[in-house]
Protein backbone atom coordinates (compact mmCIF):
# COMPACT_ATOMS: atom_id res chain seq x y z
CA MET A 1 -30.50 8.22 -10.76
CA GLU A 2 -26.65 7.95 -10.09
CA GLN A 3 -25.27 4.81 -8.33
CA LYS A 4 -22.88 5.34 -5.57
CA LEU A 5 -19.53 3.60 -6.17
CA THR A 6 -18.11 1.07 -3.30
CA ILE A 7 -14.85 1.78 -2.14
CA ALA A 8 -12.80 -1.49 -1.36
CA LEU A 9 -9.47 0.18 -0.33
CA GLU A 10 -8.69 3.76 0.37
CA ALA A 11 -5.45 5.14 1.13
CA GLN A 12 -4.97 8.71 2.34
CA HIS A 13 -1.82 10.54 2.79
CA LEU A 14 0.45 7.72 3.23
CA CYS A 15 4.35 8.59 4.05
CA LYS A 16 7.59 6.80 4.57
CA SER A 17 10.77 8.32 5.20
CA ILE A 18 14.23 7.05 6.24
CA THR A 19 16.86 9.16 8.06
CA SER A 20 20.53 8.66 7.97
CA GLY A 21 22.12 11.15 10.42
CA GLU A 22 21.08 14.60 9.43
CA ASP A 23 19.70 13.53 5.80
CA LYS A 24 15.80 12.41 5.31
CA LEU A 25 14.75 10.21 2.43
CA ASP A 26 11.28 10.40 1.22
CA ILE A 27 10.34 6.79 0.12
CA LEU A 28 6.85 7.54 -0.40
CA LYS A 29 5.40 10.98 -0.16
CA ASP A 30 1.58 12.01 0.29
CA ILE A 31 0.31 8.78 -1.64
CA ASN A 32 -3.60 8.67 -2.09
CA PHE A 33 -5.48 6.25 -3.91
CA SER A 34 -8.98 4.41 -3.94
CA VAL A 35 -10.00 1.29 -5.30
CA PRO A 36 -13.22 0.46 -6.33
CA ALA A 37 -15.02 -3.07 -5.29
CA GLY A 38 -14.29 -5.51 -7.93
CA GLU A 39 -11.48 -3.86 -9.42
CA SER A 40 -8.37 -5.29 -10.16
CA VAL A 41 -5.07 -3.34 -9.66
CA ALA A 42 -1.26 -3.53 -10.53
CA ILE A 43 1.72 -1.94 -8.50
CA LEU A 44 4.37 -1.01 -11.20
CA GLY A 45 7.88 0.85 -10.98
CA ALA A 46 11.55 0.44 -11.23
CA SER A 47 13.57 -1.34 -8.79
CA GLY A 48 13.63 0.67 -5.64
CA ALA A 49 10.58 2.68 -6.38
CA GLY A 50 8.64 1.84 -3.17
CA LYS A 51 6.46 -1.01 -4.26
CA THR A 52 7.07 -3.22 -1.63
CA THR A 53 7.11 -0.31 0.97
CA LEU A 54 3.75 0.64 -0.10
CA LEU A 55 2.41 -3.11 0.46
CA THR A 56 3.92 -3.00 3.73
CA LEU A 57 2.30 0.14 4.85
CA LEU A 58 -1.08 -1.47 3.58
CA ALA A 59 -0.54 -4.89 5.45
CA VAL A 60 0.38 -2.97 8.69
CA HIS A 61 -2.38 -0.16 8.48
CA SER A 62 -0.11 2.54 8.94
CA GLY A 63 -0.86 6.13 8.14
CA ASP A 64 -4.49 7.20 7.50
CA LEU A 65 -5.43 4.17 5.93
CA ILE A 66 -9.23 3.55 5.59
CA TYR A 67 -10.58 -0.15 4.72
CA LEU A 68 -14.28 0.08 3.96
CA SER A 69 -14.90 -3.52 2.69
CA ILE A 70 -12.06 -4.91 1.46
CA HIS A 71 -12.00 -8.97 1.68
CA ARG A 72 -9.88 -10.69 4.24
CA ILE A 73 -7.81 -12.89 1.42
CA ILE A 74 -6.48 -9.66 -0.28
CA LEU A 75 -4.87 -8.80 3.09
CA GLN A 76 -3.37 -12.36 3.43
CA LEU A 77 -2.18 -12.22 -0.14
CA ILE A 78 -0.19 -8.99 0.36
CA SER A 79 1.15 -10.59 3.96
CA ARG A 80 2.21 -13.37 1.94
CA LEU A 81 3.69 -11.35 -0.74
CA ILE A 82 5.89 -9.63 1.55
CA ARG A 83 7.21 -12.35 3.54
CA PHE A 84 8.01 -13.86 0.20
CA ARG A 85 10.13 -10.80 -0.88
CA HIS A 86 11.64 -10.69 2.28
CA SER A 87 12.79 -14.01 2.37
CA LYS A 88 14.42 -13.60 -1.12
CA LYS A 89 16.29 -10.75 0.36
CA ALA A 90 17.73 -13.13 3.30
């Protein structure tokens, strides 16, 4: 018998764009992923790749984000990371 995998976090079709005049820049485009319960993940990328933007979208529940069984502490850690990142920019 096959066991059903419990998904802790699933994101579907996350997008983030900025506009300047008539120009549009896609920061994140059609991001889809799922994280099984009990697994750890890392977000890696060069400076300006959109790591903080992705975390911000996850923290504010934007897009077609579906939380199934994620623990409250994970959301608190994401929020703290974002606040820390923004405090370093100031």
